[in-house]
């Protein structure tokens, strides 16, 4: 009676295929282009869009103030406010409390 030797070819093939499949699954979830990285990128993009919108609002306020202090249109109230805030000016009839 002849003894059958175990065949390692199919076992080796399935082991390599399983390892490769596990690697692809891991890469699809946590790799550089995986799902978790994409979620992080989308969160960062949303945060940057919010900051862009906030900065655009600040820019429009600054543009308005610049226009109001220009030679063509001088807002005396804004000029007085800026002189007080930036230069620390006070009128002679005011009392300063610190």
PDB file of N, CA and C in Angstrom:
ATOM      1  N   UNK A   1       0.823  -1.163   0.000  1.00  0.00           N
ATOM      2  CA  UNK A   1       0.000   0.000   0.000  1.00  0.00           C
ATOM      3  C   UNK A   1       0.878   1.240   0.000  1.00  0.00           C
ATOM      4  N   UNK A   2       0.497   2.139  -0.877  1.00  0.00           N
ATOM      5  CA  UNK A   2       1.278   3.356  -1.003  1.00  0.00           C
ATOM      6  C   UNK A   2       0.699   4.439  -0.099  1.00  0.00           C
ATOM      7  N   UNK A   3       1.594   5.147   0.518  1.00  0.00           N
ATOM      8  CA  UNK A   3       1.171   6.209   1.428  1.00  0.00           C
ATOM      9  C   UNK A   3       1.086   7.525   0.663  1.00  0.00           C
ATOM     10  N   UNK A   4      -0.032   8.265   0.847  1.00  0.00           N
ATOM     11  CA  UNK A   4      -0.203   9.527   0.135  1.00  0.00           C
ATOM     12  C   UNK A   4       0.505  10.641   0.903  1.00  0.00           C
ATOM     13  N   UNK A   5       1.230  11.409   0.171  1.00  0.00           N
ATOM     14  CA  UNK A   5       1.893  12.560   0.793  1.00  0.00           C
ATOM     15  C   UNK A   5       0.914  13.732   0.787  1.00  0.00           C
ATOM     16  N   UNK A   6       0.917  14.490   1.855  1.00  0.00           N
ATOM     17  CA  UNK A   6       0.009  15.646   1.871  1.00  0.00           C
ATOM     18  C   UNK A   6       0.475  16.695   0.862  1.00  0.00           C
ATOM     19  N   UNK A   7      -0.479  17.308   0.229  1.00  0.00           N
ATOM     20  CA  UNK A   7      -0.159  18.328  -0.756  1.00  0.00           C
ATOM     21  C   UNK A   7      -0.221  19.697  -0.100  1.00  0.00           C
ATOM     22  N   UNK A   8       0.880  20.407  -0.194  1.00  0.00           N
ATOM     23  CA  UNK A   8       0.965  21.721   0.422  1.00  0.00           C
ATOM     24  C   UNK A   8       0.684  22.848  -0.568  1.00  0.00           C
ATOM     25  N   UNK A   9       0.578  22.527  -1.822  1.00  0.00           N
ATOM     26  CA  UNK A   9       0.312  23.544  -2.848  1.00  0.00           C
ATOM     27  C   UNK A   9      -0.979  24.298  -2.600  1.00  0.00           C
ATOM     28  N   UNK A  10      -2.117  23.618  -2.468  1.00  0.00           N
ATOM     29  CA  UNK A  10      -3.370  24.344  -2.224  1.00  0.00           C
ATOM     30  C   UNK A  10      -3.366  25.082  -0.892  1.00  0.00           C
ATOM     31  N   UNK A  11      -2.774  24.481   0.134  1.00  0.00           N
ATOM     32  CA  UNK A  11      -2.713  25.134   1.440  1.00  0.00           C
ATOM     33  C   UNK A  11      -1.891  26.413   1.334  1.00  0.00           C
ATOM     34  N   UNK A  12      -0.764  26.337   0.659  1.00  0.00           N
ATOM     35  CA  UNK A  12       0.100  27.502   0.481  1.00  0.00           C
ATOM     36  C   UNK A  12      -0.612  28.575  -0.351  1.00  0.00           C
ATOM     37  N   UNK A  13      -1.316  28.164  -1.395  1.00  0.00           N
ATOM     38  CA  UNK A  13      -2.050  29.124  -2.228  1.00  0.00           C
ATOM     39  C   UNK A  13      -3.099  29.873  -1.408  1.00  0.00           C
ATOM     40  N   UNK A  14      -3.884  29.152  -0.625  1.00  0.00           N
ATOM     41  CA  UNK A  14      -4.925  29.795   0.170  1.00  0.00           C
ATOM     42  C   UNK A  14      -4.341  30.664   1.283  1.00  0.00           C
ATOM     43  N   UNK A  15      -3.211  30.277   1.819  1.00  0.00           N
ATOM     44  CA  UNK A  15      -2.557  31.102   2.840  1.00  0.00           C
ATOM     45  C   UNK A  15      -2.078  32.423   2.239  1.00  0.00           C
ATOM     46  N   UNK A  16      -1.460  32.352   1.059  1.00  0.00           N
ATOM     47  CA  UNK A  16      -0.988  33.571   0.401  1.00  0.00           C
ATOM     48  C   UNK A  16      -2.168  34.437  -0.026  1.00  0.00           C
ATOM     49  N   UNK A  17      -3.213  33.831  -0.573  1.00  0.00           N
ATOM     50  CA  UNK A  17      -4.394  34.580  -1.005  1.00  0.00           C
ATOM     51  C   UNK A  17      -5.092  35.232   0.188  1.00  0.00           C
ATOM     52  N   UNK A  18      -5.183  34.524   1.306  1.00  0.00           N
ATOM     53  CA  UNK A  18      -5.795  35.091   2.510  1.00  0.00           C
ATOM     54  C   UNK A  18      -4.989  36.260   3.063  1.00  0.00           C
ATOM     55  N   UNK A  19      -3.662  36.097   3.076  1.00  0.00           N
ATOM     56  CA  UNK A  19      -2.798  37.183   3.555  1.00  0.00           C
ATOM     57  C   UNK A  19      -2.929  38.412   2.660  1.00  0.00           C
ATOM     58  N   UNK A  20      -2.936  38.199   1.353  1.00  0.00           N
ATOM     59  CA  UNK A  20      -3.081  39.303   0.407  1.00  0.00           C
ATOM     60  C   UNK A  20      -4.451  39.978   0.562  1.00  0.00           C
ATOM     61  N   UNK A  21      -5.483  39.190   0.759  1.00  0.00           N
ATOM     62  CA  UNK A  21      -6.821  39.750   0.977  1.00  0.00           C
ATOM     63  C   UNK A  21      -6.894  40.561   2.253  1.00  0.00           C
ATOM     64  N   UNK A  22      -6.260  40.059   3.310  1.00  0.00           N
ATOM     65  CA  UNK A  22      -6.243  40.804   4.578  1.00  0.00           C
ATOM     66  C   UNK A  22      -5.484  42.118   4.413  1.00  0.00           C
ATOM     67  N   UNK A  23      -4.380  42.083   3.670  1.00  0.00           N
ATOM     68  CA  UNK A  23      -3.610  43.300   3.422  1.00  0.00           C
ATOM     69  C   UNK A  23      -4.445  44.319   2.649  1.00  0.00           C
ATOM     70  N   UNK A  24      -5.148  43.869   1.612  1.00  0.00           N
ATOM     71  CA  UNK A  24      -5.970  44.783   0.829  1.00  0.00           C
ATOM     72  C   UNK A  24      -7.105  45.377   1.667  1.00  0.00           C
ATOM     73  N   UNK A  25      -7.695  44.557   2.516  1.00  0.00           N
ATOM     74  CA  UNK A  25      -8.759  45.047   3.393  1.00  0.00           C
ATOM     75  C   UNK A  25      -8.221  46.082   4.366  1.00  0.00           C
ATOM     76  N   UNK A  26      -7.071  45.796   4.964  1.00  0.00           N
ATOM     77  CA  UNK A  26      -6.449  46.745   5.885  1.00  0.00           C
ATOM     78  C   UNK A  26      -6.123  48.052   5.177  1.00  0.00           C
ATOM     79  N   UNK A  27      -5.573  47.976   3.974  1.00  0.00           N
ATOM     80  CA  UNK A  27      -5.223  49.177   3.217  1.00  0.00           C
ATOM     81  C   UNK A  27      -6.467  49.973   2.831  1.00  0.00           C
ATOM     82  N   UNK A  28      -7.544  49.284   2.510  1.00  0.00           N
ATOM     83  CA  UNK A  28      -8.762  49.977   2.126  1.00  0.00           C
ATOM     84  C   UNK A  28      -9.377  50.736   3.295  1.00  0.00           C
ATOM     85  N   UNK A  29      -9.148  50.274   4.502  1.00  0.00           N
ATOM     86  CA  UNK A  29      -9.736  50.921   5.671  1.00  0.00           C
ATOM     87  C   UNK A  29      -8.777  51.943   6.280  1.00  0.00           C
ATOM     88  N   UNK A  30      -7.516  51.563   6.491  1.00  0.00           N
ATOM     89  CA  UNK A  30      -6.602  52.420   7.234  1.00  0.00           C
ATOM     90  C   UNK A  30      -5.405  52.899   6.441  1.00  0.00           C
ATOM     91  N   UNK A  31      -5.323  52.614   5.188  1.00  0.00           N
ATOM     92  CA  UNK A  31      -4.177  53.015   4.393  1.00  0.00           C
ATOM     93  C   UNK A  31      -4.177  54.506   4.091  1.00  0.00           C
ATOM     94  N   UNK A  32      -3.190  54.928   3.297  1.00  0.00           N
ATOM     95  CA  UNK A  32      -3.056  56.343   2.953  1.00  0.00           C
ATOM     96  C   UNK A  32      -4.276  56.855   2.190  1.00  0.00           C
ATOM     97  N   UNK A  33      -4.875  56.025   1.387  1.00  0.00           N
ATOM     98  CA  UNK A  33      -6.069  56.394   0.633  1.00  0.00           C
ATOM     99  C   UNK A  33      -7.300  55.653   1.150  1.00  0.00           C
ATOM    100  N   UNK A  34      -7.270  55.212   2.382  1.00  0.00           N
ATOM    101  CA  UNK A  34      -8.356  54.427   2.949  1.00  0.00           C
ATOM    102  C   UNK A  34      -9.510  55.272   3.445  1.00  0.00           C
ATOM    103  N   UNK A  35     -10.522  54.583   3.952  1.00  0.00           N
ATOM    104  CA  UNK A  35     -11.743  55.236   4.404  1.00  0.00           C
ATOM    105  C   UNK A  35     -11.507  56.170   5.583  1.00  0.00           C
ATOM    106  N   UNK A  36     -10.724  55.737   6.554  1.00  0.00           N
ATOM    107  CA  UNK A  36     -10.488  56.573   7.732  1.00  0.00           C
ATOM    108  C   UNK A  36      -9.724  57.837   7.368  1.00  0.00           C
ATOM    109  N   UNK A  37      -8.765  57.718   6.474  1.00  0.00           N
ATOM    110  CA  UNK A  37      -7.997  58.886   6.031  1.00  0.00           C
ATOM    111  C   UNK A  37      -8.904  59.838   5.259  1.00  0.00           C
ATOM    112  N   UNK A  38      -9.808  59.296   4.460  1.00  0.00           N
ATOM    113  CA  UNK A  38     -10.731  60.141   3.695  1.00  0.00           C
ATOM    114  C   UNK A  38     -11.679  60.896   4.629  1.00  0.00           C
ATOM    115  N   UNK A  39     -12.155  60.242   5.678  1.00  0.00           N
ATOM    116  CA  UNK A  39     -13.026  60.899   6.654  1.00  0.00           C
ATOM    117  C   UNK A  39     -12.281  62.051   7.324  1.00  0.00           C
ATOM    118  N   UNK A  40     -11.009  61.823   7.666  1.00  0.00           N
ATOM    119  CA  UNK A  40     -10.199  62.872   8.281  1.00  0.00           C
ATOM    120  C   UNK A  40      -9.992  64.041   7.322  1.00  0.00           C
ATOM    121  N   UNK A  41      -9.753  63.755   6.063  1.00  0.00           N
ATOM    122  CA  UNK A  41      -9.558  64.809   5.063  1.00  0.00           C
ATOM    123  C   UNK A  41     -10.841  65.625   4.894  1.00  0.00           C
ATOM    124  N   UNK A  42     -11.983  64.950   4.873  1.00  0.00           N
ATOM    125  CA  UNK A  42     -13.256  65.670   4.729  1.00  0.00           C
ATOM    126  C   UNK A  42     -13.534  66.547   5.946  1.00  0.00           C
ATOM    127  N   UNK A  43     -13.178  66.080   7.150  1.00  0.00           N
ATOM    128  CA  UNK A  43     -13.356  66.896   8.352  1.00  0.00           C
ATOM    129  C   UNK A  43     -12.434  68.110   8.309  1.00  0.00           C
ATOM    130  N   UNK A  44     -11.197  67.913   7.887  1.00  0.00           N
ATOM    131  CA  UNK A  44     -10.263  69.033   7.761  1.00  0.00           C
ATOM    132  C   UNK A  44     -10.751  70.035   6.721  1.00  0.00           C
ATOM    133  N   UNK A  45     -11.295  69.542   5.620  1.00  0.00           N
ATOM    134  CA  UNK A  45     -11.801  70.427   4.570  1.00  0.00           C
ATOM    135  C   UNK A  45     -12.972  71.258   5.089  1.00  0.00           C
ATOM    136  N   UNK A  46     -13.853  70.643   5.862  1.00  0.00           N
ATOM    137  CA  UNK A  46     -14.985  71.385   6.428  1.00  0.00           C
ATOM    138  C   UNK A  46     -14.494  72.457   7.395  1.00  0.00           C
ATOM    139  N   UNK A  47     -13.494  72.128   8.200  1.00  0.00           N
ATOM    140  CA  UNK A  47     -12.930  73.096   9.133  1.00  0.00           C
ATOM    141  C   UNK A  47     -12.268  74.247   8.375  1.00  0.00           C
ATOM    142  N   UNK A  48     -11.558  73.941   7.316  1.00  0.00           N
ATOM    143  CA  UNK A  48     -10.917  74.986   6.522  1.00  0.00           C
ATOM    144  C   UNK A  48     -11.942  75.860   5.797  1.00  0.00           C
ATOM    145  N   UNK A  49     -13.048  75.259   5.351  1.00  0.00           N
ATOM    146  CA  UNK A  49     -14.097  76.058   4.718  1.00  0.00           C
ATOM    147  C   UNK A  49     -14.723  77.024   5.725  1.00  0.00           C
ATOM    148  N   UNK A  50     -14.929  76.551   6.960  1.00  0.00           N
ATOM    149  CA  UNK A  50     -15.484  77.429   7.995  1.00  0.00           C
ATOM    150  C   UNK A  50     -14.523  78.575   8.301  1.00  0.00           C
ATOM    151  N   UNK A  51     -13.234  78.270   8.371  1.00  0.00           N
ATOM    152  CA  UNK A  51     -12.250  79.330   8.618  1.00  0.00           C
ATOM    153  C   UNK A  51     -12.200  80.311   7.449  1.00  0.00           C
ATOM    154  N   UNK A  52     -12.303  79.797   6.215  1.00  0.00           N
ATOM    155  CA  UNK A  52     -12.331  80.666   5.035  1.00  0.00           C
ATOM    156  C   UNK A  52     -13.523  81.612   5.086  1.00  0.00           C
ATOM    157  N   UNK A  53     -14.691  81.097   5.467  1.00  0.00           N
ATOM    158  CA  UNK A  53     -15.883  81.934   5.545  1.00  0.00           C
ATOM    159  C   UNK A  53     -15.739  82.990   6.641  1.00  0.00           C
ATOM    160  N   UNK A  54     -15.140  82.598   7.769  1.00  0.00           N
ATOM    161  CA  UNK A  54     -14.919  83.560   8.855  1.00  0.00           C
ATOM    162  C   UNK A  54     -13.972  84.656   8.402  1.00  0.00           C
ATOM    163  N   UNK A  55     -12.894  84.278   7.727  1.00  0.00           N
ATOM    164  CA  UNK A  55     -11.934  85.262   7.242  1.00  0.00           C
ATOM    165  C   UNK A  55     -12.531  86.153   6.159  1.00  0.00           C
ATOM    166  N   UNK A  56     -13.409  85.605   5.333  1.00  0.00           N
ATOM    167  CA  UNK A  56     -14.082  86.423   4.325  1.00  0.00           C
ATOM    168  C   UNK A  56     -14.968  87.466   4.994  1.00  0.00           C
ATOM    169  N   UNK A  57     -15.626  87.103   6.084  1.00  0.00           N
ATOM    170  CA  UNK A  57     -16.428  88.069   6.837  1.00  0.00           C
ATOM    171  C   UNK A  57     -15.569  89.168   7.436  1.00  0.00           C
ATOM    172  N   UNK A  58     -14.420  88.772   8.017  1.00  0.00           N
ATOM    173  CA  UNK A  58     -13.501  89.777   8.565  1.00  0.00           C
ATOM    174  C   UNK A  58     -12.981  90.691   7.464  1.00  0.00           C
ATOM    175  N   UNK A  59     -12.700  90.127   6.297  1.00  0.00           N
ATOM    176  CA  UNK A  59     -12.206  90.916   5.179  1.00  0.00           C
ATOM    177  C   UNK A  59     -13.236  91.931   4.730  1.00  0.00           C
ATOM    178  N   UNK A  60     -14.504  91.528   4.671  1.00  0.00           N
ATOM    179  CA  UNK A  60     -15.538  92.473   4.250  1.00  0.00           C
ATOM    180  C   UNK A  60     -15.697  93.603   5.264  1.00  0.00           C
ATOM    181  N   UNK A  61     -15.553  93.297   6.552  1.00  0.00           N
ATOM    182  CA  UNK A  61     -15.613  94.348   7.578  1.00  0.00           C
ATOM    183  C   UNK A  61     -14.443  95.308   7.406  1.00  0.00           C
ATOM    184  N   UNK A  62     -13.244  94.770   7.182  1.00  0.00           N
ATOM    185  CA  UNK A  62     -12.075  95.624   6.992  1.00  0.00           C
ATOM    186  C   UNK A  62     -12.182  96.457   5.722  1.00  0.00           C
ATOM    187  N   UNK A  63     -12.720  95.873   4.653  1.00  0.00           N
ATOM    188  CA  UNK A  63     -12.914  96.640   3.423  1.00  0.00           C
ATOM    189  C   UNK A  63     -13.907  97.778   3.641  1.00  0.00           C
ATOM    190  N   UNK A  64     -14.966  97.515   4.401  1.00  0.00           N
ATOM    191  CA  UNK A  64     -15.946  98.544   4.704  1.00  0.00           C
ATOM    192  C   UNK A  64     -15.306  99.659   5.529  1.00  0.00           C
ATOM    193  N   UNK A  65     -14.532  99.285   6.550  1.00  0.00           N
ATOM    194  CA  UNK A  65     -13.857 100.300   7.370  1.00  0.00           C
ATOM    195  C   UNK A  65     -12.866 101.107   6.541  1.00  0.00           C
ATOM    196  N   UNK A  66     -12.156 100.444   5.646  1.00  0.00           N
ATOM    197  CA  UNK A  66     -11.201 101.150   4.792  1.00  0.00           C
ATOM    198  C   UNK A  66     -11.922 102.135   3.885  1.00  0.00           C
ATOM    199  N   UNK A  67     -13.050 101.708   3.342  1.00  0.00           N
ATOM    200  CA  UNK A  67     -13.828 102.624   2.497  1.00  0.00           C
ATOM    201  C   UNK A  67     -14.328 103.814   3.311  1.00  0.00           C
ATOM    202  N   UNK A  68     -14.782 103.555   4.532  1.00  0.00           N
ATOM    203  CA  UNK A  68     -15.327 104.633   5.373  1.00  0.00           C
ATOM    204  C   UNK A  68     -14.251 105.599   5.843  1.00  0.00           C
ATOM    205  N   UNK A  69     -12.982 105.196   5.807  1.00  0.00           N
ATOM    206  CA  UNK A  69     -11.889 106.095   6.184  1.00  0.00           C
ATOM    207  C   UNK A  69     -11.158 106.660   4.968  1.00  0.00           C
ATOM    208  N   UNK A  70     -11.673 106.397   3.779  1.00  0.00           N
ATOM    209  CA  UNK A  70     -10.996 106.866   2.564  1.00  0.00           C
ATOM    210  C   UNK A  70     -11.236 108.358   2.352  1.00  0.00           C
ATOM    211  N   UNK A  71     -10.518 108.925   1.402  1.00  0.00           N
ATOM    212  CA  UNK A  71     -10.645 110.351   1.105  1.00  0.00           C
ATOM    213  C   UNK A  71     -11.998 110.688   0.501  1.00  0.00           C
ATOM    214  N   UNK A  72     -12.592 109.778  -0.251  1.00  0.00           N
ATOM    215  CA  UNK A  72     -13.873 110.050  -0.893  1.00  0.00           C
ATOM    216  C   UNK A  72     -15.029 110.037   0.110  1.00  0.00           C
ATOM    217  N   UNK A  73     -14.887 109.277   1.180  1.00  0.00           N
ATOM    218  CA  UNK A  73     -15.982 109.128   2.143  1.00  0.00           C
ATOM    219  C   UNK A  73     -15.353 109.016   3.528  1.00  0.00           C
ATOM    220  N   UNK A  74     -15.394 110.052   4.311  1.00  0.00           N
ATOM    221  CA  UNK A  74     -14.760 110.053   5.627  1.00  0.00           C
ATOM    222  C   UNK A  74     -15.834 110.011   6.702  1.00  0.00           C
ATOM    223  N   UNK A  75     -15.859 108.953   7.467  1.00  0.00           N
ATOM    224  CA  UNK A  75     -16.806 108.790   8.567  1.00  0.00           C
ATOM    225  C   UNK A  75     -16.112 109.283   9.835  1.00  0.00           C
ATOM    226  N   UNK A  76     -16.541 110.415  10.348  1.00  0.00           N
ATOM    227  CA  UNK A  76     -15.870 111.029  11.501  1.00  0.00           C
ATOM    228  C   UNK A  76     -16.030 110.195  12.767  1.00  0.00           C
ATOM    229  N   UNK A  77     -17.173 109.519  12.911  1.00  0.00           N
ATOM    230  CA  UNK A  77     -17.360 108.661  14.087  1.00  0.00           C
ATOM    231  C   UNK A  77     -16.370 107.498  14.073  1.00  0.00           C
ATOM    232  N   UNK A  78     -16.188 106.882  12.903  1.00  0.00           N
ATOM    233  CA  UNK A  78     -15.225 105.782  12.795  1.00  0.00           C
ATOM    234  C   UNK A  78     -13.803 106.291  13.014  1.00  0.00           C
ATOM    235  N   UNK A  79     -13.491 107.471  12.498  1.00  0.00           N
ATOM    236  CA  UNK A  79     -12.173 108.055  12.703  1.00  0.00           C
ATOM    237  C   UNK A  79     -11.917 108.294  14.187  1.00  0.00           C
ATOM    238  N   UNK A  80     -12.925 108.820  14.892  1.00  0.00           N
ATOM    239  CA  UNK A  80     -12.795 109.040  16.334  1.00  0.00           C
ATOM    240  C   UNK A  80     -12.614 107.715  17.077  1.00  0.00           C
ATOM    241  N   UNK A  81     -13.381 106.707  16.695  1.00  0.00           N
ATOM    242  CA  UNK A  81     -13.260 105.387  17.332  1.00  0.00           C
ATOM    243  C   UNK A  81     -11.876 104.789  17.108  1.00  0.00           C
ATOM    244  N   UNK A  82     -11.364 104.873  15.881  1.00  0.00           N
ATOM    245  CA  UNK A  82     -10.031 104.327  15.591  1.00  0.00           C
ATOM    246  C   UNK A  82      -8.954 105.087  16.348  1.00  0.00           C
ATOM    247  N   UNK A  83      -9.071 106.403  16.438  1.00  0.00           N
ATOM    248  CA  UNK A  83      -8.081 107.199  17.178  1.00  0.00           C
ATOM    249  C   UNK A  83      -8.081 106.812  18.650  1.00  0.00           C
ATOM    250  N   UNK A  84      -9.236 106.526  19.201  1.00  0.00           N
ATOM    251  CA  UNK A  84      -9.310 106.114  20.605  1.00  0.00           C
ATOM    252  C   UNK A  84      -8.713 104.721  20.820  1.00  0.00           C
ATOM    253  N   UNK A  85      -9.067 103.770  19.940  1.00  0.00           N
ATOM    254  CA  UNK A  85      -8.600 102.395  20.120  1.00  0.00           C
ATOM    255  C   UNK A  85      -7.119 102.241  19.810  1.00  0.00           C
ATOM    256  N   UNK A  86      -6.695 102.760  18.684  1.00  0.00           N
ATOM    257  CA  UNK A  86      -5.333 102.512  18.229  1.00  0.00           C
ATOM    258  C   UNK A  86      -4.339 103.432  18.917  1.00  0.00           C
ATOM    259  N   UNK A  87      -4.661 104.715  18.984  1.00  0.00           N
ATOM    260  CA  UNK A  87      -3.706 105.682  19.521  1.00  0.00           C
ATOM    261  C   UNK A  87      -3.913 105.976  21.000  1.00  0.00           C
ATOM    262  N   UNK A  88      -5.039 105.562  21.551  1.00  0.00           N
ATOM    263  CA  UNK A  88      -5.292 105.780  22.969  1.00  0.00           C
ATOM    264  C   UNK A  88      -5.699 107.216  23.283  1.00  0.00           C
ATOM    265  N   UNK A  89      -6.253 107.916  22.297  1.00  0.00           N
ATOM    266  CA  UNK A  89      -6.673 109.304  22.512  1.00  0.00           C
ATOM    267  C   UNK A  89      -7.941 109.362  23.347  1.00  0.00           C
ATOM    268  N   UNK A  90      -8.045 110.422  24.156  1.00  0.00           N
ATOM    269  CA  UNK A  90      -9.268 110.735  24.902  1.00  0.00           C
ATOM    270  C   UNK A  90      -9.490 112.234  24.774  1.00  0.00           C
ATOM    271  N   UNK A  91     -10.743 112.624  24.899  1.00  0.00           N
ATOM    272  CA  UNK A  91     -11.042 114.053  24.855  1.00  0.00           C
ATOM    273  C   UNK A  91     -10.706 114.667  26.209  1.00  0.00           C
ATOM    274  N   UNK A  92     -10.538 115.966  26.202  1.00  0.00           N
ATOM    275  CA  UNK A  92     -10.133 116.643  27.439  1.00  0.00           C
ATOM    276  C   UNK A  92     -11.252 116.649  28.478  1.00  0.00           C
ATOM    277  N   UNK A  93     -12.494 116.505  28.062  1.00  0.00           N
ATOM    278  CA  UNK A  93     -13.601 116.536  29.026  1.00  0.00           C
ATOM    279  C   UNK A  93     -13.992 115.134  29.520  1.00  0.00           C
ATOM    280  N   UNK A  94     -13.228 114.092  29.175  1.00  0.00           N
ATOM    281  CA  UNK A  94     -13.530 112.732  29.602  1.00  0.00           C
ATOM    282  C   UNK A  94     -12.676 112.333  30.790  1.00  0.00           C
ATOM    283  N   UNK A  95     -13.206 111.421  31.607  1.00  0.00           N
ATOM    284  CA  UNK A  95     -12.477 110.871  32.737  1.00  0.00           C
ATOM    285  C   UNK A  95     -12.169 109.403  32.409  1.00  0.00           C
ATOM    286  N   UNK A  96     -10.904 109.024  32.550  1.00  0.00           N
ATOM    287  CA  UNK A  96     -10.480 107.669  32.217  1.00  0.00           C
ATOM    288  C   UNK A  96     -10.376 106.850  33.496  1.00  0.00           C
ATOM    289  N   UNK A  97     -11.036 105.695  33.510  1.00  0.00           N
ATOM    290  CA  UNK A  97     -10.969 104.767  34.637  1.00  0.00           C
ATOM    291  C   UNK A  97     -10.209 103.515  34.185  1.00  0.00           C
ATOM    292  N   UNK A  98      -9.261 103.089  34.990  1.00  0.00           N
ATOM    293  CA  UNK A  98      -8.513 101.886  34.642  1.00  0.00           C
ATOM    294  C   UNK A  98      -8.659 100.847  35.697  1.00  0.00           C
TER     295      UNK A  98
END
